[in-house]
Amino acid sequence: MRIIFAILSLLLALLAATPHLIFGQDASPPPADRLDASEKQAILQEVGKVLQENYIFPETAEKMRQGVEKQLKDGAYDSLNTAEAFAEAVSEDLREISKDKHLRFHYDPEAQAQGQRETSKSEEERRKEREAQRAEMARDNFGFRKVERLAGNVGYLDFRYFASPELAGDTAVAALQMLSGCDAILIDLRKNGGGDPAMIQLMSSYFFEEPTHLNDIYSRRDDRTENYWTLPYVPGRKMAGVDLYVLTSTYTFSGAEEFSYNMKNLKRATLVGETTGGGAHPVDGKVVHAKYVLVVPFARAINPISKTNWEGTGVSPDISVPADQAFEKAYLLALEKLKEKVADPARRNAIEWTLQGETAKLNPVRVGEATLRKYAGTYEARKVTLENGALYYQRTGPKYRLIPMTQTTFFVEGLDYFRVEFVSEGGKVKQLVGLYDDGRREPSKRTR
């Protein structure tokens, strides 16, 4: 079950990221099959049978079977003579009845032949395919796009799917260990479409000291429940006391939702962003009538705290903001919380310094052009120029744009540790003071 769930979730994530593979201009669709009423009926009978035997909720499976057969009887599919159009309409009706976002039915003329090719492959062919798959995923760094230590000692991790630990475990461990010295961590799942529960288990284990029950997955097909607890051992350093923030969007789906849902219910992380997509059912693909595929959910997640899951509802954030603002909001929250926790004055001042800068970026102060023109000039070895309505600072190297924090103080874009303040006397600008994050002040008199 785990392998099927992981592969299908991963494929969904990869296809969402590279739709041109299917829908691009180079894709040539196969000739459309045309259907008569008797064939439509035979297809729906087979769909109903597969649902009754596999779908996680038997009562809903029966409702879906009856629903699409009634649609056929009422003539809803009469005008749909091509296989693609018929499959699309049936898929929409099945999802409307079930409210299950993992459920799909689509036309694939190669479905049966592909299945036969898969079962006839030798072990050597399968090994080569696994190696090719691993090489392809490795070129994508197994979905891990960015690992960064931000100012204020806040870590940031952006990855796009939960790959199998067998393939990506070393990469995940390396990413987490790079952030293990941070006081807070932002985990960005806004573009994560899901993946392997085992990777969710591995990564979650770094954020708990004691054994913790994360999730269960019940399979109707096997009538078996698989329990997921944090692992008793993980390589490297744990981060059980680190403040944790999870960034979400409407794209966040399946396994990424599980991670978010687990952390929220365990009160281990603060979720910031949008309500997630709402898919909590592992799936399996079944060939129907030789040329169709029914992606049918056969299992469901059961959270040990809520006793339910996020299917159809998504995971709601603790702090609701548009997805494109989630990073900035979470970063500010992390800095504000750290500022309250830190006792050391120097450390507290450093966090306050960063907090002021990030707040200014989100809420920029407007300084009139007449004032900006007054600030432009030479201050001993420092030079300030006005270009296209913005001030630029230069000492010996490149120019840096100055972003207003107040009417007289600016932070220097690209230099987190340095800011400038303009000092006036009698209505004239007399000094530029260089401000450093360690408290130093370096005044430079205006010379021109």
Protein backbone atom coordinates (compact mmCIF):
# COMPACT_ATOMS: atom_id res chain seq x y z
CA MET A 1 0.00 0.00 0.00
CA ARG A 2 2.74 2.42 0.95
CA ILE A 3 4.56 1.96 -2.34
CA ILE A 4 1.43 2.48 -4.46
CA PHE A 5 0.45 5.57 -2.48
CA ALA A 6 3.94 7.01 -2.73
CA ILE A 7 4.35 6.41 -6.47
CA LEU A 8 0.94 7.76 -7.42
CA SER A 9 1.25 10.78 -5.14
CA LEU A 10 4.70 11.48 -6.51
CA LEU A 11 3.49 11.18 -10.09
CA LEU A 12 0.66 13.60 -9.36
CA ALA A 13 3.13 16.09 -7.90
CA LEU A 14 5.53 15.75 -10.84
CA LEU A 15 2.77 15.99 -13.45
CA ALA A 16 1.38 19.08 -11.75
CA ALA A 17 4.85 20.62 -11.90
CA THR A 18 5.42 19.61 -15.58
CA PRO A 19 2.04 19.61 -17.33
CA HIS A 20 3.72 19.97 -20.71
CA LEU A 21 4.62 16.29 -20.53
CA ILE A 22 0.97 15.50 -21.18
CA PHE A 23 -0.63 18.68 -22.41
CA GLY A 24 2.25 20.28 -24.30
CA GLN A 25 2.28 20.98 -27.99
CA ASP A 26 4.40 17.92 -28.73
CA ALA A 27 1.81 15.54 -27.26
CA SER A 28 -0.25 13.82 -29.96
CA PRO A 29 -3.52 12.40 -28.60
CA PRO A 30 -4.54 8.97 -29.87
CA PRO A 31 -7.55 8.65 -32.18
CA ALA A 32 -10.80 8.99 -30.25
CA ASP A 33 -12.85 5.83 -29.63
CA ARG A 34 -16.55 6.22 -30.31
CA LEU A 35 -19.07 4.61 -28.00
CA ASP A 36 -22.59 3.28 -28.32
CA ALA A 37 -25.15 2.94 -25.51
CA SER A 38 -24.42 -0.73 -24.81
CA GLU A 39 -20.69 -0.11 -24.42
CA LYS A 40 -21.31 2.80 -22.07
CA GLN A 41 -23.49 0.55 -19.95
CA ALA A 42 -20.83 -2.19 -19.88
CA ILE A 43 -18.15 0.33 -18.84
CA LEU A 44 -20.28 1.71 -16.02
CA GLN A 45 -21.13 -1.77 -14.75
CA GLU A 46 -17.42 -2.52 -14.51
CA VAL A 47 -16.74 0.83 -12.81
CA GLY A 48 -19.44 0.05 -10.25
CA LYS A 49 -17.96 -3.38 -9.56
CA VAL A 50 -14.45 -1.97 -9.01
CA LEU A 51 -15.81 0.68 -6.66
CA GLN A 52 -17.84 -1.83 -4.64
CA GLU A 53 -14.79 -4.06 -4.22
CA ASN A 54 -12.21 -1.38 -3.47
CA TYR A 55 -13.51 2.05 -2.48
CA ILE A 56 -12.80 2.92 1.14
CA PHE A 57 -16.46 3.59 2.02
CA PRO A 58 -18.78 0.79 0.75
CA GLU A 59 -21.92 2.90 1.19
CA THR A 60 -20.45 5.71 -0.90
CA ALA A 61 -19.29 3.21 -3.51
CA GLU A 62 -22.89 2.03 -3.88
CA LYS A 63 -24.14 5.62 -4.17
CA MET A 64 -21.62 6.28 -6.92
CA ARG A 65 -22.60 3.11 -8.79
CA GLN A 66 -26.26 3.99 -8.63
CA GLY A 67 -25.60 7.63 -9.45
CA VAL A 68 -23.74 7.11 -12.73
CA GLU A 69 -26.11 4.35 -13.84
CA LYS A 70 -29.04 6.72 -13.24
CA GLN A 71 -27.23 9.38 -15.26
CA LEU A 72 -26.93 6.87 -18.11
CA LYS A 73 -30.60 5.90 -17.85
CA ASP A 74 -31.69 9.56 -17.79
CA GLY A 75 -29.74 10.27 -20.98
CA ALA A 76 -27.06 12.49 -19.43
CA TYR A 77 -24.37 10.69 -21.44
CA ASP A 78 -26.29 10.27 -24.70
CA SER A 79 -24.53 13.08 -26.54
CA LEU A 80 -21.06 12.00 -25.37
CA ASN A 81 -19.94 9.72 -28.16
CA THR A 82 -16.17 9.85 -27.67
CA ALA A 83 -14.35 7.88 -24.99
CA GLU A 84 -12.58 10.99 -23.66
CA ALA A 85 -15.76 13.02 -23.21
CA PHE A 86 -17.63 10.11 -21.66
CA ALA A 87 -14.83 9.35 -19.19
CA GLU A 88 -14.51 12.99 -18.21
CA ALA A 89 -18.25 13.29 -17.51
CA VAL A 90 -18.32 10.07 -15.49
CA SER A 91 -15.27 11.21 -13.50
CA GLU A 92 -16.97 14.51 -12.65
CA ASP A 93 -20.14 12.72 -11.54
CA LEU A 94 -18.21 10.25 -9.37
CA ARG A 95 -16.35 13.06 -7.65
CA GLU A 96 -19.51 15.09 -7.22
CA ILE A 97 -21.20 12.18 -5.44
CA SER A 98 -18.21 11.12 -3.33
CA LYS A 99 -16.63 14.57 -2.72
CA ASP A 100 -13.34 12.65 -2.99
CA LYS A 101 -10.57 14.65 -4.69
CA HIS A 102 -8.37 11.59 -5.16
CA LEU A 103 -10.98 9.75 -7.25
CA ARG A 104 -10.55 9.97 -11.06
CA PHE A 105 -11.70 8.09 -14.15
CA HIS A 106 -9.98 8.66 -17.47
CA TYR A 107 -9.56 7.20 -20.93
CA ASP A 108 -6.23 5.51 -21.65
CA PRO A 109 -6.23 3.29 -24.76
CA GLU A 110 -2.87 1.80 -23.74
CA ALA A 111 -3.93 0.92 -20.19
CA GLN A 112 -4.31 -2.83 -20.59
CA ALA A 113 -1.33 -3.21 -22.90
CA GLN A 114 0.84 -1.19 -20.53
CA GLY A 115 -0.26 -3.36 -17.63
CA GLN A 116 0.66 -6.49 -19.55
CA ARG A 117 4.06 -5.03 -20.44
CA GLU A 118 4.69 -4.26 -16.78
CA THR A 119 3.85 -7.77 -15.59
CA SER A 120 6.02 -9.35 -18.30
CA LYS A 121 9.17 -7.39 -17.47
CA SER A 122 12.20 -9.26 -16.19
CA GLU A 123 13.81 -8.45 -12.89
CA GLU A 124 16.73 -6.91 -14.76
CA GLU A 125 14.40 -4.58 -16.66
CA ARG A 126 12.73 -3.57 -13.41
CA ARG A 127 16.11 -2.89 -11.80
CA LYS A 128 17.15 -0.65 -14.68
CA GLU A 129 13.86 1.25 -14.47
CA ARG A 130 14.33 1.80 -10.73
CA GLU A 131 17.85 3.08 -11.35
CA ALA A 132 16.61 5.42 -14.09
CA GLN A 133 13.85 6.69 -11.82
CA ARG A 134 16.30 7.33 -9.01
CA ALA A 135 18.68 9.16 -11.37
CA GLU A 136 15.83 11.36 -12.62
CA MET A 137 14.73 12.18 -9.07
CA ALA A 138 18.33 12.82 -8.03
CA ARG A 139 18.64 15.44 -10.78
CA ASP A 140 15.67 17.13 -9.13
CA ASN A 141 17.41 16.73 -5.74
CA PHE A 142 14.42 14.60 -4.71
CA GLY A 143 12.24 17.68 -4.59
CA PHE A 144 14.41 19.61 -2.13
CA ARG A 145 14.69 23.06 -3.71
CA LYS A 146 16.04 25.36 -1.00
CA VAL A 147 17.66 25.08 2.43
CA GLU A 148 18.64 28.40 3.98
CA ARG A 149 19.56 30.01 7.27
CA LEU A 150 17.82 33.39 7.43
CA ALA A 151 18.81 36.41 9.52
CA GLY A 152 17.78 35.95 13.14
CA ASN A 153 18.86 32.29 13.03
CA VAL A 154 15.61 31.16 11.42
CA GLY A 155 15.82 28.16 9.08
CA TYR A 156 13.89 27.77 5.82
CA LEU A 157 13.20 24.52 3.93
CA ASP A 158 11.35 24.33 0.61
CA PHE A 159 10.68 20.90 -0.92
CA ARG A 160 8.07 19.76 -3.43
CA TYR A 161 7.25 16.11 -2.59
CA PHE A 162 7.91 13.46 0.04
CA ALA A 163 10.06 10.99 -1.87
CA SER A 164 10.72 7.50 -0.51
CA PRO A 165 13.38 7.48 2.25
CA GLU A 166 15.00 4.59 0.41
CA LEU A 167 15.85 7.05 -2.35
CA ALA A 168 15.89 10.46 -0.67
CA GLY A 169 16.60 9.73 3.00
CA ASP A 170 20.19 11.01 2.84
CA THR A 171 19.07 14.23 1.17
CA ALA A 172 16.33 14.84 3.73
CA VAL A 173 18.68 14.19 6.64
CA ALA A 174 21.32 16.51 5.18
CA ALA A 175 18.76 19.29 4.70
CA LEU A 176 17.45 18.99 8.24
CA GLN A 177 20.92 18.80 9.76
CA MET A 178 21.90 22.02 8.02
CA LEU A 179 19.04 23.69 9.95
CA SER A 180 19.57 21.85 13.23
CA GLY A 181 21.26 24.84 14.89
CA CYS A 182 18.40 27.23 14.10
CA ASP A 183 16.06 28.58 16.77
CA ALA A 184 13.01 28.41 14.47
CA ILE A 185 12.29 26.65 11.17
CA LEU A 186 9.87 27.45 8.35
CA ILE A 187 8.85 24.35 6.34
CA ASP A 188 7.40 25.47 3.01
CA LEU A 189 4.79 23.03 1.65
CA ARG A 190 2.97 25.55 -0.55
CA LYS A 191 4.03 23.66 -3.70
CA ASN A 192 4.18 20.17 -2.21
CA GLY A 193 1.73 17.63 -3.68
CA GLY A 194 2.34 14.71 -1.32
CA GLY A 195 4.32 11.48 -1.38
CA ASP A 196 5.49 8.61 0.78
CA PRO A 197 4.17 8.27 4.38
CA ALA A 198 7.54 6.81 5.35
CA MET A 199 9.28 10.10 4.48
CA ILE A 200 6.67 12.00 6.46
CA GLN A 201 7.48 9.70 9.38
CA LEU A 202 11.24 10.21 9.01
CA MET A 203 11.11 14.00 8.80
CA SER A 204 8.55 14.30 11.60
CA SER A 205 10.76 12.25 13.90
CA TYR A 206 13.31 15.08 14.06
CA PHE A 207 10.81 17.36 15.81
CA PHE A 208 9.83 15.11 18.75
CA GLU A 209 11.94 13.86 21.64
CA GLU A 210 9.58 11.19 22.92
CA PRO A 211 7.81 8.47 20.86
CA THR A 212 4.79 10.17 19.26
CA HIS A 213 1.82 8.67 17.43
CA LEU A 214 1.55 10.55 14.14
CA ASN A 215 -1.13 8.90 12.02
CA ASP A 216 -2.84 5.66 11.03
CA ILE A 217 -3.85 4.44 7.57
CA TYR A 218 -6.71 1.96 7.34
CA SER A 219 -6.98 -0.15 4.17
CA ARG A 220 -10.42 -1.52 3.41
CA ARG A 221 -8.96 -3.84 0.77
CA ASP A 222 -6.70 -5.52 3.34
CA ASP A 223 -8.90 -4.76 6.36
CA ARG A 224 -5.72 -3.66 8.09
CA THR A 225 -4.54 -0.54 9.92
CA GLU A 226 -0.92 0.58 9.63
CA ASN A 227 0.30 2.74 12.52
CA TYR A 228 2.83 5.53 12.06
CA TRP A 229 4.87 6.66 15.07
CA THR A 230 8.02 8.74 15.20
CA LEU A 231 11.11 6.63 14.68
CA PRO A 232 13.14 5.60 17.75
CA TYR A 233 16.35 6.76 16.07
CA VAL A 234 17.23 9.24 13.34
CA PRO A 235 20.72 10.21 12.13
CA GLY A 236 22.09 13.46 13.49
CA ARG A 237 20.62 16.02 15.82
CA LYS A 238 16.93 16.33 16.70
CA MET A 239 15.10 19.67 16.89
CA ALA A 240 12.41 18.91 19.45
CA GLY A 241 12.57 22.37 21.02
CA VAL A 242 12.72 24.43 17.82
CA ASP A 243 9.78 26.69 16.97
CA LEU A 244 8.18 25.22 13.87
CA TYR A 245 6.07 26.91 11.17
CA VAL A 246 4.46 25.15 8.19
CA LEU A 247 3.52 27.19 5.10
CA THR A 248 0.46 25.96 3.18
CA SER A 249 -1.59 26.77 0.07
CA THR A 250 -4.56 25.35 -1.80
CA TYR A 251 -2.01 23.30 -3.80
CA THR A 252 -0.71 21.58 -0.67
CA PHE A 253 -2.13 18.07 -1.01
CA SER A 254 -2.19 14.47 0.22
CA GLY A 255 1.01 13.59 2.10
CA ALA A 256 1.90 17.27 2.53
CA GLU A 257 -1.50 17.69 4.15
CA GLU A 258 -0.81 14.74 6.43
CA PHE A 259 2.39 16.35 7.68
CA SER A 260 0.53 19.64 8.26
CA TYR A 261 -2.47 17.95 9.90
CA ASN A 262 -0.29 15.85 12.20
CA MET A 263 1.77 18.82 13.34
CA LYS A 264 -1.32 20.94 13.91
CA ASN A 265 -3.17 18.34 15.97
CA LEU A 266 -0.07 17.59 18.02
CA LYS A 267 0.32 21.36 18.59
CA ARG A 268 3.90 21.05 17.39
CA ALA A 269 3.76 23.68 14.62
CA THR A 270 1.94 26.84 13.62
CA LEU A 271 0.36 26.61 10.17
CA VAL A 272 0.47 29.80 8.10
CA GLY A 273 -1.19 30.29 4.71
CA GLU A 274 -4.27 28.87 3.04
CA THR A 275 -6.56 25.88 3.62
CA THR A 276 -5.05 22.90 1.82
CA GLY A 277 -6.50 20.86 -1.05
CA GLY A 278 -8.34 18.17 0.91
CA GLY A 279 -7.07 14.73 -0.16
CA ALA A 280 -6.59 12.09 2.56
CA HIS A 281 -7.17 8.80 0.72
CA PRO A 282 -4.35 6.62 -0.67
CA VAL A 283 -5.19 5.37 -4.16
CA ASP A 284 -4.69 2.53 -6.60
CA GLY A 285 -5.14 2.50 -10.38
CA LYS A 286 -7.50 -0.13 -11.84
CA VAL A 287 -7.84 -0.90 -15.55
CA VAL A 288 -11.50 -0.83 -16.61
CA HIS A 289 -12.83 -2.25 -19.88
CA ALA A 290 -9.26 -2.48 -21.27
CA LYS A 291 -8.99 1.21 -22.23
CA TYR A 292 -9.90 3.14 -19.07
CA VAL A 293 -8.27 3.71 -15.70
CA LEU A 294 -10.18 4.23 -12.46
CA VAL A 295 -8.00 5.78 -9.76
CA VAL A 296 -9.81 4.53 -6.69
CA PRO A 297 -9.10 5.42 -3.05
CA PHE A 298 -8.88 2.19 -1.10
CA ALA A 299 -7.63 3.47 2.26
CA ARG A 300 -7.99 6.47 4.55
CA ALA A 301 -5.93 8.35 7.10
CA ILE A 302 -7.10 8.30 10.73
CA ASN A 303 -5.51 10.85 13.01
CA PRO A 304 -5.08 9.48 16.56
CA ILE A 305 -6.23 12.79 18.09
CA SER A 306 -9.11 13.92 15.85
CA LYS A 307 -10.11 10.32 14.91
CA THR A 308 -10.76 11.61 11.39
CA ASN A 309 -8.82 13.31 8.58
CA TRP A 310 -8.81 16.23 6.15
CA GLU A 311 -10.57 14.58 3.18
CA GLY A 312 -12.79 17.07 1.39
CA THR A 313 -12.16 19.83 3.93
CA GLY A 314 -8.43 20.42 3.75
CA VAL A 315 -6.26 21.48 6.66
CA SER A 316 -7.07 24.96 7.89
CA PRO A 317 -4.14 27.18 8.91
CA ASP A 318 -3.69 28.71 12.35
CA ILE A 319 -2.86 32.02 10.67
CA SER A 320 -4.85 32.58 7.48
CA VAL A 321 -3.11 34.70 4.81
CA PRO A 322 -2.82 34.44 1.02
CA ALA A 323 -0.21 31.86 0.05
CA ASP A 324 2.10 34.45 -1.50
CA GLN A 325 2.27 36.25 1.86
CA ALA A 326 2.75 33.16 4.02
CA PHE A 327 6.55 33.29 4.10
CA GLU A 328 6.75 36.90 5.21
CA LYS A 329 4.04 36.41 7.84
CA ALA A 330 5.62 33.24 9.26
CA TYR A 331 9.08 34.82 9.32
CA LEU A 332 7.77 37.80 11.31
CA LEU A 333 5.93 35.48 13.72
CA ALA A 334 9.11 33.47 14.23
CA LEU A 335 11.18 36.58 14.94
CA GLU A 336 8.58 38.06 17.31
CA LYS A 337 8.39 34.83 19.30
CA LEU A 338 12.17 34.48 19.47
CA LYS A 339 12.49 38.06 20.66
CA GLU A 340 10.20 37.30 23.61
CA LYS A 341 12.07 34.09 24.50
CA VAL A 342 15.66 35.34 24.33
CA ALA A 343 17.18 36.66 27.58
CA ASP A 344 20.61 37.72 26.30
CA PRO A 345 20.48 41.49 25.48
CA ALA A 346 22.86 41.26 22.52
CA ARG A 347 20.92 38.38 20.98
CA ARG A 348 17.65 40.17 21.62
CA ASN A 349 18.94 43.33 19.92
CA ALA A 350 20.05 41.30 16.90
CA ILE A 351 16.56 39.77 16.55
CA GLU A 352 14.97 43.19 16.97
CA TRP A 353 17.26 44.51 14.24
CA THR A 354 16.09 41.80 11.82
CA LEU A 355 12.46 42.21 12.88
CA GLN A 356 12.54 45.93 12.13
CA GLY A 357 13.98 45.29 8.69
CA GLU A 358 11.43 42.63 7.77
CA THR A 359 8.56 44.77 9.03
CA ALA A 360 9.79 47.67 6.89
CA LYS A 361 9.87 45.41 3.82
CA LEU A 362 6.24 44.46 4.36
CA ASN A 363 5.12 47.98 5.23
CA PRO A 364 7.39 50.31 3.27
CA VAL A 365 7.48 53.96 4.29
CA ARG A 366 6.99 56.53 1.54
CA VAL A 367 9.57 59.31 1.46
CA GLY A 368 8.92 62.21 -0.87
CA GLU A 369 11.24 62.76 -3.83
CA ALA A 370 12.18 66.22 -2.57
CA THR A 371 13.50 64.66 0.64
CA LEU A 372 15.30 61.90 -1.27
CA ARG A 373 16.99 64.56 -3.41
CA LYS A 374 18.31 66.24 -0.24
CA TYR A 375 19.92 62.96 0.87
CA ALA A 376 21.75 62.40 -2.43
CA GLY A 377 25.38 63.42 -2.18
CA THR A 378 28.88 62.43 -1.08
CA TYR A 379 29.67 61.65 2.56
CA GLU A 380 33.46 61.23 2.75
CA ALA A 381 34.05 57.73 1.26
CA ARG A 382 30.32 57.02 0.94
CA LYS A 383 28.16 58.11 -1.96
CA VAL A 384 24.36 58.28 -2.27
CA THR A 385 22.66 58.79 -5.64
CA LEU A 386 19.04 59.30 -6.68
CA GLU A 387 18.08 57.13 -9.66
CA ASN A 388 14.54 56.66 -11.00
CA GLY A 389 12.96 57.79 -7.75
CA ALA A 390 15.08 55.58 -5.45
CA LEU A 391 18.25 56.16 -3.44
CA TYR A 392 21.34 54.01 -3.99
CA TYR A 393 24.28 53.63 -1.61
CA GLN A 394 27.87 52.95 -2.68
CA ARG A 395 31.16 52.82 -0.84
CA THR A 396 33.88 50.99 -2.75
CA GLY A 397 31.99 48.19 -4.43
CA PRO A 398 28.57 47.79 -6.05
CA LYS A 399 25.55 50.02 -5.55
CA TYR A 400 22.82 48.97 -3.12
CA ARG A 401 19.27 50.25 -3.15
CA LEU A 402 18.09 52.02 0.02
CA ILE A 403 14.61 51.06 1.27
CA PRO A 404 12.95 53.50 3.71
CA MET A 405 12.31 52.32 7.26
CA THR A 406 11.50 55.83 8.52
CA GLN A 407 11.82 59.28 6.97
CA THR A 408 15.51 59.33 7.91
CA THR A 409 16.60 55.65 8.26
CA PHE A 410 17.00 53.17 5.40
CA PHE A 411 17.95 49.53 5.23
CA VAL A 412 20.37 48.49 2.50
CA GLU A 413 18.92 45.92 0.13
CA GLY A 414 21.24 42.90 0.11
CA LEU A 415 23.14 43.82 3.30
CA ASP A 416 21.22 42.53 6.32
CA TYR A 417 23.85 43.74 8.80
CA PHE A 418 24.02 47.39 7.66
CA ARG A 419 21.68 50.42 7.48
CA VAL A 420 22.08 54.14 6.99
CA GLU A 421 20.66 57.15 8.79
CA PHE A 422 20.70 60.73 7.51
CA VAL A 423 21.23 63.46 10.13
CA SER A 424 20.10 67.02 9.47
CA GLU A 425 20.83 70.28 11.26
CA GLY A 426 19.04 73.54 10.53
CA GLY A 427 17.18 71.96 7.64
CA LYS A 428 20.36 70.76 5.92
CA VAL A 429 21.66 67.17 5.73
CA LYS A 430 25.01 67.11 7.54
CA GLN A 431 25.87 63.44 8.11
CA LEU A 432 25.31 59.89 6.97
CA VAL A 433 25.59 57.45 9.88
CA GLY A 434 26.33 53.82 9.10
CA LEU A 435 24.38 51.57 11.50
CA TYR A 436 25.55 48.00 12.17
CA ASP A 437 23.68 45.06 13.68
CA ASP A 438 26.22 44.86 16.54
CA GLY A 439 25.36 48.40 17.67
CA ARG A 440 28.25 50.25 16.04
CA ARG A 441 27.65 53.70 14.51
CA GLU A 442 30.01 55.14 11.88
CA PRO A 443 29.28 58.81 11.05
CA SER A 444 30.48 60.32 7.76
CA LYS A 445 30.30 64.09 7.19
CA ARG A 446 28.74 65.36 4.03
CA THR A 447 31.48 66.63 1.75
CA ARG A 448 29.44 67.44 -1.37
